[in-house]
Amino acid sequence: MKKDGGSAFPSCGADGCGPTGMKLRDYFAAMALQGIKSNDELLKRIMDSSNLPQQELIAQMAYADADAMLAERSK
């Protein structure tokens, strides 16, 4: 099981604070996804070098970036 980094946006309410909602790994992947999808030149280069469907390749790249961010945070 991959480390997810815990909650990206922990909340505090009448019952105290606790982890809720999106995990940090998913948040990091979403941020990476924005960068990847906004760069048409990068998309063309990576699609020319892969036989995976575009959506699958982009998702893999986004989560690889997220995993690298989590690894760096834990140093």
PDB file of N, CA and C in Angstrom:
ATOM      1  N   MET A   1       0.838  -1.190   0.000  1.00  0.00           N
ATOM      2  CA  MET A   1       0.000   0.000   0.000  1.00  0.00           C
ATOM      3  C   MET A   1       0.878   1.247   0.000  1.00  0.00           C
ATOM      4  N   LYS A   2       0.575   2.157  -0.885  1.00  0.00           N
ATOM      5  CA  LYS A   2       1.342   3.396  -0.967  1.00  0.00           C
ATOM      6  C   LYS A   2       0.945   4.328   0.167  1.00  0.00           C
ATOM      7  N   LYS A   3       1.928   5.077   0.634  1.00  0.00           N
ATOM      8  CA  LYS A   3       1.634   6.099   1.631  1.00  0.00           C
ATOM      9  C   LYS A   3       0.853   7.203   0.936  1.00  0.00           C
ATOM     10  N   ASP A   4      -0.213   7.662   1.581  1.00  0.00           N
ATOM     11  CA  ASP A   4      -1.033   8.691   0.952  1.00  0.00           C
ATOM     12  C   ASP A   4      -0.789  10.080   1.525  1.00  0.00           C
ATOM     13  N   GLY A   5       0.051  10.195   2.535  1.00  0.00           N
ATOM     14  CA  GLY A   5       0.369  11.499   3.095  1.00  0.00           C
ATOM     15  C   GLY A   5      -0.652  12.034   4.074  1.00  0.00           C
ATOM     16  N   GLY A   6      -1.701  11.270   4.328  1.00  0.00           N
ATOM     17  CA  GLY A   6      -2.747  11.756   5.235  1.00  0.00           C
ATOM     18  C   GLY A   6      -3.679  12.712   4.517  1.00  0.00           C
ATOM     19  N   SER A   7      -4.485  13.386   5.270  1.00  0.00           N
ATOM     20  CA  SER A   7      -5.481  14.292   4.715  1.00  0.00           C
ATOM     21  C   SER A   7      -4.836  15.562   4.170  1.00  0.00           C
ATOM     22  N   ALA A   8      -5.248  15.970   2.986  1.00  0.00           N
ATOM     23  CA  ALA A   8      -4.731  17.207   2.397  1.00  0.00           C
ATOM     24  C   ALA A   8      -5.320  18.423   3.093  1.00  0.00           C
ATOM     25  N   PHE A   9      -6.539  18.305   3.564  1.00  0.00           N
ATOM     26  CA  PHE A   9      -7.229  19.427   4.190  1.00  0.00           C
ATOM     27  C   PHE A   9      -7.925  18.967   5.459  1.00  0.00           C
ATOM     28  N   PRO A  10      -7.163  18.717   6.537  1.00  0.00           N
ATOM     29  CA  PRO A  10      -7.804  18.284   7.777  1.00  0.00           C
ATOM     30  C   PRO A  10      -8.757  19.375   8.261  1.00  0.00           C
ATOM     31  N   SER A  11      -9.825  18.957   8.896  1.00  0.00           N
ATOM     32  CA  SER A  11     -10.791  19.956   9.360  1.00  0.00           C
ATOM     33  C   SER A  11     -11.003  19.842  10.860  1.00  0.00           C
ATOM     34  N   CYS A  12     -11.385  20.935  11.438  1.00  0.00           N
ATOM     35  CA  CYS A  12     -11.701  20.979  12.860  1.00  0.00           C
ATOM     36  C   CYS A  12     -13.148  21.440  13.016  1.00  0.00           C
ATOM     37  N   GLY A  13     -13.843  20.737  13.854  1.00  0.00           N
ATOM     38  CA  GLY A  13     -15.231  21.086  14.114  1.00  0.00           C
ATOM     39  C   GLY A  13     -15.562  20.875  15.570  1.00  0.00           C
ATOM     40  N   ALA A  14     -16.823  20.770  15.863  1.00  0.00           N
ATOM     41  CA  ALA A  14     -17.282  20.599  17.244  1.00  0.00           C
ATOM     42  C   ALA A  14     -16.741  19.307  17.862  1.00  0.00           C
ATOM     43  N   ASP A  15     -16.479  18.303  17.022  1.00  0.00           N
ATOM     44  CA  ASP A  15     -15.967  17.018  17.503  1.00  0.00           C
ATOM     45  C   ASP A  15     -14.447  16.966  17.550  1.00  0.00           C
ATOM     46  N   GLY A  16     -13.797  18.086  17.296  1.00  0.00           N
ATOM     47  CA  GLY A  16     -12.333  18.115  17.286  1.00  0.00           C
ATOM     48  C   GLY A  16     -11.797  18.089  15.870  1.00  0.00           C
ATOM     49  N   CYS A  17     -10.502  17.884  15.751  1.00  0.00           N
ATOM     50  CA  CYS A  17      -9.843  17.865  14.441  1.00  0.00           C
ATOM     51  C   CYS A  17      -9.650  16.431  13.979  1.00  0.00           C
ATOM     52  N   GLY A  18      -9.695  16.262  12.688  1.00  0.00           N
ATOM     53  CA  GLY A  18      -9.498  14.922  12.171  1.00  0.00           C
ATOM     54  C   GLY A  18      -9.304  14.908  10.677  1.00  0.00           C
ATOM     55  N   PRO A  19      -8.809  13.792  10.167  1.00  0.00           N
ATOM     56  CA  PRO A  19      -8.585  13.679   8.727  1.00  0.00           C
ATOM     57  C   PRO A  19      -9.900  13.469   7.982  1.00  0.00           C
ATOM     58  N   THR A  20     -10.117  14.272   6.988  1.00  0.00           N
ATOM     59  CA  THR A  20     -11.317  14.125   6.153  1.00  0.00           C
ATOM     60  C   THR A  20     -10.961  14.442   4.714  1.00  0.00           C
ATOM     61  N   GLY A  21     -11.777  13.971   3.808  1.00  0.00           N
ATOM     62  CA  GLY A  21     -11.657  14.361   2.408  1.00  0.00           C
ATOM     63  C   GLY A  21     -10.452  13.805   1.685  1.00  0.00           C
ATOM     64  N   MET A  22      -9.983  14.579   0.738  1.00  0.00           N
ATOM     65  CA  MET A  22      -8.918  14.194  -0.176  1.00  0.00           C
ATOM     66  C   MET A  22      -7.599  13.921   0.552  1.00  0.00           C
ATOM     67  N   LYS A  23      -6.919  12.890   0.101  1.00  0.00           N
ATOM     68  CA  LYS A  23      -5.604  12.559   0.646  1.00  0.00           C
ATOM     69  C   LYS A  23      -4.545  13.426  -0.038  1.00  0.00           C
ATOM     70  N   LEU A  24      -3.440  13.645   0.660  1.00  0.00           N
ATOM     71  CA  LEU A  24      -2.383  14.494   0.143  1.00  0.00           C
ATOM     72  C   LEU A  24      -1.819  13.955  -1.170  1.00  0.00           C
ATOM     73  N   ARG A  25      -1.710  12.637  -1.293  1.00  0.00           N
ATOM     74  CA  ARG A  25      -1.205  12.042  -2.545  1.00  0.00           C
ATOM     75  C   ARG A  25      -2.097  12.422  -3.723  1.00  0.00           C
ATOM     76  N   ASP A  26      -3.415  12.367  -3.517  1.00  0.00           N
ATOM     77  CA  ASP A  26      -4.345  12.740  -4.582  1.00  0.00           C
ATOM     78  C   ASP A  26      -4.249  14.228  -4.906  1.00  0.00           C
ATOM     79  N   TYR A  27      -4.061  15.045  -3.891  1.00  0.00           N
ATOM     80  CA  TYR A  27      -3.922  16.486  -4.101  1.00  0.00           C
ATOM     81  C   TYR A  27      -2.663  16.781  -4.921  1.00  0.00           C
ATOM     82  N   PHE A  28      -1.539  16.167  -4.533  1.00  0.00           N
ATOM     83  CA  PHE A  28      -0.307  16.361  -5.285  1.00  0.00           C
ATOM     84  C   PHE A  28      -0.477  15.887  -6.729  1.00  0.00           C
ATOM     85  N   ALA A  29      -1.129  14.750  -6.923  1.00  0.00           N
ATOM     86  CA  ALA A  29      -1.351  14.239  -8.280  1.00  0.00           C
ATOM     87  C   ALA A  29      -2.217  15.204  -9.087  1.00  0.00           C
ATOM     88  N   ALA A  30      -3.216  15.787  -8.464  1.00  0.00           N
ATOM     89  CA  ALA A  30      -4.083  16.742  -9.165  1.00  0.00           C
ATOM     90  C   ALA A  30      -3.293  17.974  -9.601  1.00  0.00           C
ATOM     91  N   MET A  31      -2.397  18.428  -8.745  1.00  0.00           N
ATOM     92  CA  MET A  31      -1.581  19.590  -9.102  1.00  0.00           C
ATOM     93  C   MET A  31      -0.623  19.237 -10.248  1.00  0.00           C
ATOM     94  N   ALA A  32      -0.021  18.059 -10.197  1.00  0.00           N
ATOM     95  CA  ALA A  32       0.860  17.618 -11.284  1.00  0.00           C
ATOM     96  C   ALA A  32       0.066  17.468 -12.575  1.00  0.00           C
ATOM     97  N   LEU A  33      -1.132  16.938 -12.474  1.00  0.00           N
ATOM     98  CA  LEU A  33      -1.989  16.744 -13.635  1.00  0.00           C
ATOM     99  C   LEU A  33      -2.265  18.068 -14.342  1.00  0.00           C
ATOM    100  N   GLN A  34      -2.493  19.118 -13.593  1.00  0.00           N
ATOM    101  CA  GLN A  34      -2.730  20.435 -14.203  1.00  0.00           C
ATOM    102  C   GLN A  34      -1.539  20.871 -15.039  1.00  0.00           C
ATOM    103  N   GLY A  35      -0.344  20.681 -14.489  1.00  0.00           N
ATOM    104  CA  GLY A  35       0.846  21.067 -15.231  1.00  0.00           C
ATOM    105  C   GLY A  35       1.056  20.232 -16.473  1.00  0.00           C
ATOM    106  N   ILE A  36       0.864  18.940 -16.339  1.00  0.00           N
ATOM    107  CA  ILE A  36       1.055  18.034 -17.480  1.00  0.00           C
ATOM    108  C   ILE A  36       0.065  18.366 -18.592  1.00  0.00           C
ATOM    109  N   LYS A  37      -1.204  18.521 -18.233  1.00  0.00           N
ATOM    110  CA  LYS A  37      -2.252  18.760 -19.229  1.00  0.00           C
ATOM    111  C   LYS A  37      -2.158  20.142 -19.874  1.00  0.00           C
ATOM    112  N   SER A  38      -1.491  21.079 -19.201  1.00  0.00           N
ATOM    113  CA  SER A  38      -1.399  22.433 -19.750  1.00  0.00           C
ATOM    114  C   SER A  38      -0.231  22.599 -20.718  1.00  0.00           C
ATOM    115  N   ASN A  39       0.585  21.566 -20.899  1.00  0.00           N
ATOM    116  CA  ASN A  39       1.771  21.663 -21.733  1.00  0.00           C
ATOM    117  C   ASN A  39       1.609  20.766 -22.967  1.00  0.00           C
ATOM    118  N   ASP A  40       1.085  21.333 -24.037  1.00  0.00           N
ATOM    119  CA  ASP A  40       0.834  20.559 -25.260  1.00  0.00           C
ATOM    120  C   ASP A  40       2.104  19.957 -25.838  1.00  0.00           C
ATOM    121  N   GLU A  41       3.210  20.678 -25.766  1.00  0.00           N
ATOM    122  CA  GLU A  41       4.469  20.165 -26.301  1.00  0.00           C
ATOM    123  C   GLU A  41       4.926  18.931 -25.523  1.00  0.00           C
ATOM    124  N   LEU A  42       4.814  18.990 -24.210  1.00  0.00           N
ATOM    125  CA  LEU A  42       5.171  17.837 -23.372  1.00  0.00           C
ATOM    126  C   LEU A  42       4.265  16.652 -23.694  1.00  0.00           C
ATOM    127  N   LEU A  43       2.975  16.902 -23.800  1.00  0.00           N
ATOM    128  CA  LEU A  43       2.035  15.816 -24.113  1.00  0.00           C
ATOM    129  C   LEU A  43       2.387  15.144 -25.434  1.00  0.00           C
ATOM    130  N   LYS A  44       2.697  15.932 -26.438  1.00  0.00           N
ATOM    131  CA  LYS A  44       3.046  15.358 -27.743  1.00  0.00           C
ATOM    132  C   LYS A  44       4.305  14.502 -27.626  1.00  0.00           C
ATOM    133  N   ARG A  45       5.324  14.987 -26.930  1.00  0.00           N
ATOM    134  CA  ARG A  45       6.572  14.233 -26.796  1.00  0.00           C
ATOM    135  C   ARG A  45       6.354  12.921 -26.053  1.00  0.00           C
ATOM    136  N   ILE A  46       5.574  12.955 -24.965  1.00  0.00           N
ATOM    137  CA  ILE A  46       5.398  11.715 -24.205  1.00  0.00           C
ATOM    138  C   ILE A  46       4.511  10.726 -24.945  1.00  0.00           C
ATOM    139  N   MET A  47       3.546  11.228 -25.693  1.00  0.00           N
ATOM    140  CA  MET A  47       2.679  10.321 -26.438  1.00  0.00           C
ATOM    141  C   MET A  47       3.431   9.690 -27.610  1.00  0.00           C
ATOM    142  N   ASP A  48       4.389  10.423 -28.178  1.00  0.00           N
ATOM    143  CA  ASP A  48       5.186   9.878 -29.284  1.00  0.00           C
ATOM    144  C   ASP A  48       6.115   8.767 -28.802  1.00  0.00           C
ATOM    145  N   SER A  49       6.402   8.748 -27.490  1.00  0.00           N
ATOM    146  CA  SER A  49       7.360   7.766 -26.973  1.00  0.00           C
ATOM    147  C   SER A  49       6.689   6.644 -26.173  1.00  0.00           C
ATOM    148  N   SER A  50       5.371   6.549 -26.242  1.00  0.00           N
ATOM    149  CA  SER A  50       4.663   5.529 -25.464  1.00  0.00           C
ATOM    150  C   SER A  50       3.541   4.915 -26.281  1.00  0.00           C
ATOM    151  N   ASN A  51       3.230   3.670 -25.960  1.00  0.00           N
ATOM    152  CA  ASN A  51       2.098   3.021 -26.624  1.00  0.00           C
ATOM    153  C   ASN A  51       0.887   2.906 -25.698  1.00  0.00           C
ATOM    154  N   LEU A  52       0.968   3.527 -24.526  1.00  0.00           N
ATOM    155  CA  LEU A  52      -0.170   3.530 -23.600  1.00  0.00           C
ATOM    156  C   LEU A  52      -1.216   4.539 -24.050  1.00  0.00           C
ATOM    157  N   PRO A  53      -2.473   4.318 -23.705  1.00  0.00           N
ATOM    158  CA  PRO A  53      -3.482   5.345 -23.960  1.00  0.00           C
ATOM    159  C   PRO A  53      -3.115   6.631 -23.208  1.00  0.00           C
ATOM    160  N   GLN A  54      -3.402   7.760 -23.819  1.00  0.00           N
ATOM    161  CA  GLN A  54      -2.996   9.051 -23.261  1.00  0.00           C
ATOM    162  C   GLN A  54      -3.445   9.228 -21.813  1.00  0.00           C
ATOM    163  N   GLN A  55      -4.691   8.932 -21.492  1.00  0.00           N
ATOM    164  CA  GLN A  55      -5.196   9.135 -20.139  1.00  0.00           C
ATOM    165  C   GLN A  55      -4.444   8.285 -19.128  1.00  0.00           C
ATOM    166  N   GLU A  56      -4.141   7.048 -19.490  1.00  0.00           N
ATOM    167  CA  GLU A  56      -3.422   6.155 -18.579  1.00  0.00           C
ATOM    168  C   GLU A  56      -2.008   6.660 -18.322  1.00  0.00           C
ATOM    169  N   LEU A  57      -1.332   7.070 -19.376  1.00  0.00           N
ATOM    170  CA  LEU A  57       0.030   7.575 -19.235  1.00  0.00           C
ATOM    171  C   LEU A  57       0.061   8.841 -18.384  1.00  0.00           C
ATOM    172  N   ILE A  58      -0.856   9.750 -18.625  1.00  0.00           N
ATOM    173  CA  ILE A  58      -0.889  11.003 -17.867  1.00  0.00           C
ATOM    174  C   ILE A  58      -1.188  10.728 -16.392  1.00  0.00           C
ATOM    175  N   ALA A  59      -2.111   9.820 -16.118  1.00  0.00           N
ATOM    176  CA  ALA A  59      -2.425   9.473 -14.724  1.00  0.00           C
ATOM    177  C   ALA A  59      -1.209   8.864 -14.037  1.00  0.00           C
ATOM    178  N   GLN A  60      -0.503   7.981 -14.744  1.00  0.00           N
ATOM    179  CA  GLN A  60       0.708   7.381 -14.169  1.00  0.00           C
ATOM    180  C   GLN A  60       1.755   8.451 -13.859  1.00  0.00           C
ATOM    181  N   MET A  61       1.928   9.389 -14.768  1.00  0.00           N
ATOM    182  CA  MET A  61       2.896  10.464 -14.551  1.00  0.00           C
ATOM    183  C   MET A  61       2.510  11.329 -13.358  1.00  0.00           C
ATOM    184  N   ALA A  62       1.240  11.660 -13.252  1.00  0.00           N
ATOM    185  CA  ALA A  62       0.781  12.516 -12.157  1.00  0.00           C
ATOM    186  C   ALA A  62       1.010  11.843 -10.807  1.00  0.00           C
ATOM    187  N   TYR A  63       0.690  10.559 -10.718  1.00  0.00           N
ATOM    188  CA  TYR A  63       0.890   9.855  -9.441  1.00  0.00           C
ATOM    189  C   TYR A  63       2.366   9.581  -9.164  1.00  0.00           C
ATOM    190  N   ALA A  64       3.170   9.422 -10.198  1.00  0.00           N
ATOM    191  CA  ALA A  64       4.619   9.289  -9.980  1.00  0.00           C
ATOM    192  C   ALA A  64       5.174  10.578  -9.388  1.00  0.00           C
ATOM    193  N   ASP A  65       4.710  11.712  -9.893  1.00  0.00           N
ATOM    194  CA  ASP A  65       5.126  13.002  -9.321  1.00  0.00           C
ATOM    195  C   ASP A  65       4.660  13.124  -7.873  1.00  0.00           C
ATOM    196  N   ALA A  66       3.428  12.724  -7.613  1.00  0.00           N
ATOM    197  CA  ALA A  66       2.894  12.795  -6.250  1.00  0.00           C
ATOM    198  C   ALA A  66       3.698  11.917  -5.295  1.00  0.00           C
ATOM    199  N   ASP A  67       4.036  10.716  -5.725  1.00  0.00           N
ATOM    200  CA  ASP A  67       4.831   9.820  -4.888  1.00  0.00           C
ATOM    201  C   ASP A  67       6.215  10.405  -4.606  1.00  0.00           C
ATOM    202  N   ALA A  68       6.796  11.062  -5.617  1.00  0.00           N
ATOM    203  CA  ALA A  68       8.104  11.706  -5.416  1.00  0.00           C
ATOM    204  C   ALA A  68       7.997  12.854  -4.412  1.00  0.00           C
ATOM    205  N   MET A  69       6.912  13.603  -4.484  1.00  0.00           N
ATOM    206  CA  MET A  69       6.706  14.705  -3.523  1.00  0.00           C
ATOM    207  C   MET A  69       6.568  14.152  -2.107  1.00  0.00           C
ATOM    208  N   LEU A  70       5.810  13.088  -1.935  1.00  0.00           N
ATOM    209  CA  LEU A  70       5.656  12.490  -0.605  1.00  0.00           C
ATOM    210  C   LEU A  70       6.975  11.945  -0.085  1.00  0.00           C
ATOM    211  N   ALA A  71       7.749  11.326  -0.958  1.00  0.00           N
ATOM    212  CA  ALA A  71       9.055  10.795  -0.550  1.00  0.00           C
ATOM    213  C   ALA A  71       9.982  11.926  -0.109  1.00  0.00           C
ATOM    214  N   GLU A  72       9.960  13.011  -0.845  1.00  0.00           N
ATOM    215  CA  GLU A  72      10.817  14.148  -0.512  1.00  0.00           C
ATOM    216  C   GLU A  72      10.394  14.784   0.822  1.00  0.00           C
ATOM    217  N   ARG A  73       9.103  14.852   1.056  1.00  0.00           N
ATOM    218  CA  ARG A  73       8.595  15.416   2.310  1.00  0.00           C
ATOM    219  C   ARG A  73       9.049  14.608   3.523  1.00  0.00           C
ATOM    220  N   SER A  74       9.208  13.311   3.335  1.00  0.00           N
ATOM    221  CA  SER A  74       9.515  12.448   4.482  1.00  0.00           C
ATOM    222  C   SER A  74      11.002  12.413   4.825  1.00  0.00           C
ATOM    223  N   LYS A  75      11.826  13.096   4.062  1.00  0.00           N
ATOM    224  CA  LYS A  75      13.280  13.123   4.341  1.00  0.00           C
ATOM    225  C   LYS A  75      13.592  14.003   5.530  1.00  0.00           C
TER     226      LYS A  75
END
